[in-house]
Protein backbone atom coordinates (compact mmCIF):
# COMPACT_ATOMS: atom_id res chain seq x y z
CA UNK A 1 0.00 0.00 0.00
CA UNK A 2 3.05 2.23 0.38
CA UNK A 3 3.48 2.53 -3.40
CA UNK A 4 -0.22 2.66 -4.26
CA UNK A 5 -0.43 6.47 -4.65
CA UNK A 6 2.57 6.40 -7.02
CA UNK A 7 1.18 3.47 -9.00
CA UNK A 8 -2.24 5.08 -9.24
CA UNK A 9 -0.76 8.16 -10.97
CA UNK A 10 0.27 5.99 -13.93
CA UNK A 11 -3.20 5.12 -15.30
CA UNK A 12 -4.25 8.74 -15.25
CA UNK A 13 -5.53 9.51 -11.76
CA UNK A 14 -3.08 12.40 -11.65
CA UNK A 15 -3.05 14.58 -8.56
CA UNK A 16 -5.95 12.61 -7.06
CA UNK A 17 -3.86 9.42 -6.94
CA UNK A 18 -3.64 9.21 -3.14
CA UNK A 19 -7.38 9.69 -2.75
CA UNK A 20 -8.21 7.23 -5.53
CA UNK A 21 -5.83 4.59 -4.13
CA UNK A 22 -7.49 4.87 -0.74
CA UNK A 23 -10.99 4.68 -2.23
CA UNK A 24 -10.30 1.75 -4.55
CA UNK A 25 -8.29 -0.38 -2.12
CA UNK A 26 -10.63 0.50 0.74
CA UNK A 27 -13.65 -0.56 -1.32
CA UNK A 28 -11.98 -3.82 -2.31
CA UNK A 29 -11.08 -4.39 1.34
CA UNK A 30 -14.66 -3.88 2.55
CA UNK A 31 -16.20 -6.10 -0.13
CA UNK A 32 -13.67 -8.88 0.40
CA UNK A 33 -14.18 -8.75 4.16
CA UNK A 34 -17.89 -9.31 3.54
CA UNK A 35 -16.96 -12.38 1.47
CA UNK A 36 -15.05 -13.68 4.48
CA UNK A 37 -17.94 -13.03 6.84
CA UNK A 38 -20.39 -14.94 4.67
CA UNK A 39 -18.05 -17.79 3.67
CA UNK A 40 -16.22 -18.62 6.89
CA UNK A 41 -19.08 -20.70 8.32
CA UNK A 42 -19.65 -22.51 5.04
CA UNK A 43 -16.04 -23.33 4.09
CA UNK A 44 -14.14 -22.87 7.36
CA UNK A 45 -11.17 -20.73 8.26
CA UNK A 46 -8.56 -23.19 7.07
CA UNK A 47 -9.52 -23.11 3.40
CA UNK A 48 -9.82 -19.30 3.44
CA UNK A 49 -6.35 -19.02 5.03
CA UNK A 50 -4.88 -21.44 2.50
CA UNK A 51 -6.49 -19.84 -0.57
CA UNK A 52 -5.73 -16.32 0.63
CA UNK A 53 -2.10 -17.17 1.31
CA UNK A 54 -1.59 -18.65 -2.14
CA UNK A 55 -3.35 -15.70 -3.78
CA UNK A 56 -1.24 -13.18 -1.85
CA UNK A 57 1.97 -15.03 -2.78
CA UNK A 58 1.09 -15.12 -6.48
CA UNK A 59 0.11 -11.44 -6.48
CA UNK A 60 3.35 -10.42 -4.77
CA UNK A 61 5.40 -12.42 -7.26
CA UNK A 62 3.60 -10.89 -10.26
CA UNK A 63 3.92 -7.34 -8.90
CA UNK A 64 7.61 -7.91 -8.11
CA UNK A 65 8.34 -9.28 -11.58
CA UNK A 66 6.48 -6.44 -13.30
CA UNK A 67 8.25 -3.75 -11.26
CA UNK A 68 11.61 -5.51 -11.56
CA UNK A 69 11.33 -5.82 -15.34
CA UNK A 70 10.39 -2.17 -15.82
CA UNK A 71 12.60 -0.47 -13.26
CA UNK A 72 15.49 -2.94 -12.93
CA UNK A 73 18.51 -2.11 -10.82
CA UNK A 74 18.76 1.54 -11.80
CA UNK A 75 15.21 2.38 -10.72
CA UNK A 76 14.30 4.14 -13.92
CA UNK A 77 11.46 3.16 -16.20
CA UNK A 78 7.77 3.57 -16.68
CA UNK A 79 4.61 1.58 -17.24
CA UNK A 80 2.25 2.10 -20.13
CA UNK A 81 -1.46 2.29 -19.34
CA UNK A 82 -2.16 -1.41 -20.00
CA UNK A 83 0.70 -2.57 -17.79
CA UNK A 84 -0.35 -0.15 -15.06
CA UNK A 85 -3.90 -1.49 -15.17
CA UNK A 86 -2.64 -5.07 -14.82
CA UNK A 87 -0.45 -4.01 -11.91
CA UNK A 88 -3.38 -2.31 -10.17
CA UNK A 89 -5.56 -5.41 -10.67
CA UNK A 90 -2.94 -7.54 -8.93
CA UNK A 91 -2.65 -5.02 -6.10
CA UNK A 92 -6.43 -5.16 -5.64
CA UNK A 93 -6.37 -8.98 -5.79
CA UNK A 94 -3.73 -8.93 -3.05
CA UNK A 95 -5.85 -6.63 -0.89
CA UNK A 96 -8.88 -8.86 -1.46
CA UNK A 97 -6.93 -12.00 -0.51
CA UNK A 98 -5.75 -10.39 2.70
CA UNK A 99 -9.23 -9.09 3.49
CA UNK A 100 -10.91 -12.49 3.26
CA UNK A 101 -8.16 -14.46 4.96
CA UNK A 102 -5.36 -13.10 7.12
CA UNK A 103 -7.07 -9.80 7.97
CA UNK A 104 -10.33 -10.75 9.68
CA UNK A 105 -9.74 -14.41 10.45
CA UNK A 106 -6.54 -14.07 12.48
C-alpha atoms as a PDB file:
ATOM      1  CA  UNK A   1       0.000   0.000   0.000  1.00  0.00           C
ATOM      2  CA  UNK A   2       3.046   2.228   0.378  1.00  0.00           C
ATOM      3  CA  UNK A   3       3.479   2.531  -3.396  1.00  0.00           C
ATOM      4  CA  UNK A   4      -0.220   2.659  -4.263  1.00  0.00           C
ATOM      5  CA  UNK A   5      -0.428   6.473  -4.650  1.00  0.00           C
ATOM      6  CA  UNK A   6       2.566   6.401  -7.018  1.00  0.00           C
ATOM      7  CA  UNK A   7       1.175   3.469  -8.997  1.00  0.00           C
ATOM      8  CA  UNK A   8      -2.244   5.081  -9.243  1.00  0.00           C
ATOM      9  CA  UNK A   9      -0.763   8.158 -10.968  1.00  0.00           C
ATOM     10  CA  UNK A  10       0.271   5.992 -13.928  1.00  0.00           C
ATOM     11  CA  UNK A  11      -3.199   5.117 -15.301  1.00  0.00           C
ATOM     12  CA  UNK A  12      -4.252   8.741 -15.252  1.00  0.00           C
ATOM     13  CA  UNK A  13      -5.532   9.507 -11.761  1.00  0.00           C
ATOM     14  CA  UNK A  14      -3.080  12.404 -11.649  1.00  0.00           C
ATOM     15  CA  UNK A  15      -3.052  14.576  -8.556  1.00  0.00           C
ATOM     16  CA  UNK A  16      -5.949  12.609  -7.057  1.00  0.00           C
ATOM     17  CA  UNK A  17      -3.858   9.421  -6.942  1.00  0.00           C
ATOM     18  CA  UNK A  18      -3.644   9.213  -3.144  1.00  0.00           C
ATOM     19  CA  UNK A  19      -7.376   9.690  -2.753  1.00  0.00           C
ATOM     20  CA  UNK A  20      -8.210   7.226  -5.534  1.00  0.00           C
ATOM     21  CA  UNK A  21      -5.830   4.588  -4.135  1.00  0.00           C
ATOM     22  CA  UNK A  22      -7.492   4.875  -0.740  1.00  0.00           C
ATOM     23  CA  UNK A  23     -10.994   4.679  -2.229  1.00  0.00           C
ATOM     24  CA  UNK A  24     -10.300   1.752  -4.547  1.00  0.00           C
ATOM     25  CA  UNK A  25      -8.287  -0.381  -2.121  1.00  0.00           C
ATOM     26  CA  UNK A  26     -10.633   0.499   0.744  1.00  0.00           C
ATOM     27  CA  UNK A  27     -13.645  -0.556  -1.321  1.00  0.00           C
ATOM     28  CA  UNK A  28     -11.977  -3.819  -2.311  1.00  0.00           C
ATOM     29  CA  UNK A  29     -11.079  -4.391   1.338  1.00  0.00           C
ATOM     30  CA  UNK A  30     -14.658  -3.881   2.546  1.00  0.00           C
ATOM     31  CA  UNK A  31     -16.199  -6.096  -0.134  1.00  0.00           C
ATOM     32  CA  UNK A  32     -13.669  -8.882   0.398  1.00  0.00           C
ATOM     33  CA  UNK A  33     -14.178  -8.753   4.162  1.00  0.00           C
ATOM     34  CA  UNK A  34     -17.890  -9.306   3.539  1.00  0.00           C
ATOM     35  CA  UNK A  35     -16.957 -12.376   1.469  1.00  0.00           C
ATOM     36  CA  UNK A  36     -15.052 -13.678   4.477  1.00  0.00           C
ATOM     37  CA  UNK A  37     -17.942 -13.027   6.841  1.00  0.00           C
ATOM     38  CA  UNK A  38     -20.395 -14.942   4.673  1.00  0.00           C
ATOM     39  CA  UNK A  39     -18.047 -17.786   3.667  1.00  0.00           C
ATOM     40  CA  UNK A  40     -16.224 -18.623   6.891  1.00  0.00           C
ATOM     41  CA  UNK A  41     -19.080 -20.704   8.321  1.00  0.00           C
ATOM     42  CA  UNK A  42     -19.648 -22.507   5.041  1.00  0.00           C
ATOM     43  CA  UNK A  43     -16.035 -23.329   4.095  1.00  0.00           C
ATOM     44  CA  UNK A  44     -14.142 -22.873   7.362  1.00  0.00           C
ATOM     45  CA  UNK A  45     -11.165 -20.731   8.260  1.00  0.00           C
ATOM     46  CA  UNK A  46      -8.559 -23.194   7.073  1.00  0.00           C
ATOM     47  CA  UNK A  47      -9.525 -23.108   3.397  1.00  0.00           C
ATOM     48  CA  UNK A  48      -9.818 -19.304   3.442  1.00  0.00           C
ATOM     49  CA  UNK A  49      -6.354 -19.015   5.029  1.00  0.00           C
ATOM     50  CA  UNK A  50      -4.878 -21.438   2.498  1.00  0.00           C
ATOM     51  CA  UNK A  51      -6.493 -19.835  -0.566  1.00  0.00           C
ATOM     52  CA  UNK A  52      -5.731 -16.318   0.632  1.00  0.00           C
ATOM     53  CA  UNK A  53      -2.102 -17.167   1.309  1.00  0.00           C
ATOM     54  CA  UNK A  54      -1.587 -18.646  -2.141  1.00  0.00           C
ATOM     55  CA  UNK A  55      -3.347 -15.705  -3.784  1.00  0.00           C
ATOM     56  CA  UNK A  56      -1.236 -13.184  -1.851  1.00  0.00           C
ATOM     57  CA  UNK A  57       1.969 -15.028  -2.781  1.00  0.00           C
ATOM     58  CA  UNK A  58       1.088 -15.120  -6.477  1.00  0.00           C
ATOM     59  CA  UNK A  59       0.106 -11.445  -6.483  1.00  0.00           C
ATOM     60  CA  UNK A  60       3.350 -10.417  -4.773  1.00  0.00           C
ATOM     61  CA  UNK A  61       5.402 -12.421  -7.262  1.00  0.00           C
ATOM     62  CA  UNK A  62       3.595 -10.885 -10.256  1.00  0.00           C
ATOM     63  CA  UNK A  63       3.922  -7.339  -8.903  1.00  0.00           C
ATOM     64  CA  UNK A  64       7.605  -7.907  -8.110  1.00  0.00           C
ATOM     65  CA  UNK A  65       8.339  -9.282 -11.578  1.00  0.00           C
ATOM     66  CA  UNK A  66       6.484  -6.438 -13.296  1.00  0.00           C
ATOM     67  CA  UNK A  67       8.250  -3.755 -11.263  1.00  0.00           C
ATOM     68  CA  UNK A  68      11.614  -5.506 -11.563  1.00  0.00           C
ATOM     69  CA  UNK A  69      11.331  -5.822 -15.343  1.00  0.00           C
ATOM     70  CA  UNK A  70      10.387  -2.173 -15.819  1.00  0.00           C
ATOM     71  CA  UNK A  71      12.601  -0.471 -13.265  1.00  0.00           C
ATOM     72  CA  UNK A  72      15.492  -2.942 -12.931  1.00  0.00           C
ATOM     73  CA  UNK A  73      18.510  -2.115 -10.823  1.00  0.00           C
ATOM     74  CA  UNK A  74      18.761   1.539 -11.797  1.00  0.00           C
ATOM     75  CA  UNK A  75      15.211   2.377 -10.718  1.00  0.00           C
ATOM     76  CA  UNK A  76      14.299   4.137 -13.921  1.00  0.00           C
ATOM     77  CA  UNK A  77      11.465   3.158 -16.202  1.00  0.00           C
ATOM     78  CA  UNK A  78       7.765   3.574 -16.676  1.00  0.00           C
ATOM     79  CA  UNK A  79       4.611   1.577 -17.243  1.00  0.00           C
ATOM     80  CA  UNK A  80       2.252   2.104 -20.126  1.00  0.00           C
ATOM     81  CA  UNK A  81      -1.460   2.292 -19.339  1.00  0.00           C
ATOM     82  CA  UNK A  82      -2.160  -1.406 -20.003  1.00  0.00           C
ATOM     83  CA  UNK A  83       0.697  -2.565 -17.787  1.00  0.00           C
ATOM     84  CA  UNK A  84      -0.347  -0.148 -15.056  1.00  0.00           C
ATOM     85  CA  UNK A  85      -3.901  -1.488 -15.166  1.00  0.00           C
ATOM     86  CA  UNK A  86      -2.640  -5.067 -14.822  1.00  0.00           C
ATOM     87  CA  UNK A  87      -0.449  -4.011 -11.906  1.00  0.00           C
ATOM     88  CA  UNK A  88      -3.385  -2.312 -10.173  1.00  0.00           C
ATOM     89  CA  UNK A  89      -5.555  -5.406 -10.667  1.00  0.00           C
ATOM     90  CA  UNK A  90      -2.941  -7.543  -8.928  1.00  0.00           C
ATOM     91  CA  UNK A  91      -2.651  -5.022  -6.097  1.00  0.00           C
ATOM     92  CA  UNK A  92      -6.432  -5.162  -5.639  1.00  0.00           C
ATOM     93  CA  UNK A  93      -6.371  -8.978  -5.786  1.00  0.00           C
ATOM     94  CA  UNK A  94      -3.728  -8.933  -3.053  1.00  0.00           C
ATOM     95  CA  UNK A  95      -5.847  -6.627  -0.892  1.00  0.00           C
ATOM     96  CA  UNK A  96      -8.880  -8.862  -1.462  1.00  0.00           C
ATOM     97  CA  UNK A  97      -6.934 -12.002  -0.510  1.00  0.00           C
ATOM     98  CA  UNK A  98      -5.751 -10.394   2.703  1.00  0.00           C
ATOM     99  CA  UNK A  99      -9.228  -9.089   3.487  1.00  0.00           C
ATOM    100  CA  UNK A 100     -10.914 -12.492   3.258  1.00  0.00           C
ATOM    101  CA  UNK A 101      -8.161 -14.458   4.955  1.00  0.00           C
ATOM    102  CA  UNK A 102      -5.362 -13.097   7.120  1.00  0.00           C
ATOM    103  CA  UNK A 103      -7.065  -9.804   7.968  1.00  0.00           C
ATOM    104  CA  UNK A 104     -10.332 -10.747   9.680  1.00  0.00           C
ATOM    105  CA  UNK A 105      -9.737 -14.405  10.453  1.00  0.00           C
ATOM    106  CA  UNK A 106      -6.545 -14.070  12.483  1.00  0.00           C
END
